[in-house]
Protein backbone atom coordinates (compact mmCIF):
# COMPACT_ATOMS: atom_id res chain seq x y z
CA MET A 1 0.02 -0.13 0.01
CA GLN A 2 2.48 2.69 1.12
CA GLU A 3 4.48 2.20 -2.14
CA ASN A 4 1.74 2.48 -4.41
CA ILE A 5 0.61 5.74 -2.95
CA ASN A 6 4.29 7.19 -3.42
CA ILE A 7 3.91 6.10 -7.07
CA THR A 8 0.78 7.88 -6.58
CA ILE A 9 2.08 11.09 -5.42
CA GLY A 10 4.99 11.14 -7.13
CA ASN A 11 3.06 10.60 -10.69
CA ARG A 12 0.15 13.67 -9.34
CA ILE A 13 3.73 15.90 -8.84
CA LYS A 14 4.73 15.13 -12.67
CA GLN A 15 2.00 15.90 -14.23
CA LEU A 16 2.29 19.44 -12.35
CA ARG A 17 5.22 20.20 -12.67
CA LYS A 18 4.81 19.89 -16.75
CA ILE A 19 2.27 21.41 -16.84
CA GLU A 20 3.46 24.40 -15.20
CA ASN A 21 6.51 24.45 -18.16
CA LEU A 22 9.16 23.03 -15.09
CA SER A 23 12.30 20.83 -15.71
CA GLN A 24 12.21 18.60 -12.34
CA GLU A 25 15.93 20.98 -11.57
CA ALA A 26 13.52 23.59 -11.86
CA LEU A 27 10.74 22.55 -9.04
CA ALA A 28 13.89 20.99 -6.60
CA ASN A 29 15.68 24.26 -6.55
CA LEU A 30 12.16 25.81 -6.04
CA ALA A 31 11.29 22.83 -3.12
CA GLU A 32 14.99 23.36 -2.10
CA VAL A 33 15.49 19.77 -2.95
CA GLU A 34 18.08 18.03 -4.47
CA ARG A 35 17.29 17.04 -8.08
CA ALA A 36 18.01 13.06 -7.08
CA TYR A 37 15.90 13.38 -4.28
CA MET A 38 13.13 15.01 -6.84
CA ASN A 39 13.23 12.20 -9.00
CA GLY A 40 13.47 9.86 -6.01
CA VAL A 41 9.89 11.74 -5.22
CA GLU A 42 8.51 11.71 -8.64
CA THR A 43 9.67 7.92 -9.17
CA GLY A 44 7.94 6.41 -5.48
CA LYS A 45 11.35 5.53 -4.48
CA ARG A 46 11.15 8.49 -1.52
CA ASN A 47 8.98 8.81 1.06
CA VAL A 48 7.91 12.61 1.27
CA SER A 49 7.37 14.05 4.04
CA VAL A 50 4.25 16.21 4.95
CA LYS A 51 6.16 19.14 5.45
CA LEU A 52 8.34 18.77 1.76
CA LEU A 53 5.00 17.85 0.14
CA SER A 54 3.86 20.92 1.50
CA LYS A 55 6.79 22.92 -0.37
CA ILE A 56 7.13 21.09 -3.49
CA ILE A 57 3.48 21.79 -3.92
CA LEU A 58 3.49 25.43 -3.84
CA ALA A 59 6.64 25.38 -5.85
CA LEU A 60 3.90 23.90 -8.49
CA ASN A 61 1.04 26.97 -7.79
CA THR A 62 -1.54 24.65 -6.39
CA ASP A 63 -2.37 24.14 -2.93
CA PHE A 64 -3.60 21.07 -0.83
CA THR A 65 -6.90 20.73 -1.58
CA GLU A 66 -6.19 20.75 -5.96
CA PHE A 67 -2.90 18.51 -4.89
CA PHE A 68 -5.57 15.44 -3.85
CA ASN A 69 -8.84 16.48 -6.21
CA ASP A 70 -7.93 14.39 -8.86
CA GLU A 71 -9.10 11.26 -10.52
CA ILE A 72 -5.55 10.11 -9.97
CA PHE A 73 -6.47 9.13 -6.08
CA LYS A 74 -9.61 8.00 -6.34
CA LYS A 75 -8.99 4.37 -7.57
């Protein structure tokens, strides 16, 4: 179960990053993390803390409600 939610969150981050036309490196810089770590988050290989997820969501110009209000989470 945990692995699936990590992948789902990572996919949502990647989806929104592409909508915002940001590279993985640019998003990592905005969220103040290493690009390699951001890659791990997007691929579901890293657990993301609520604090870091908050930074990423802010960098993606959205909020928690919008982030989680997507069909990807309604399966």
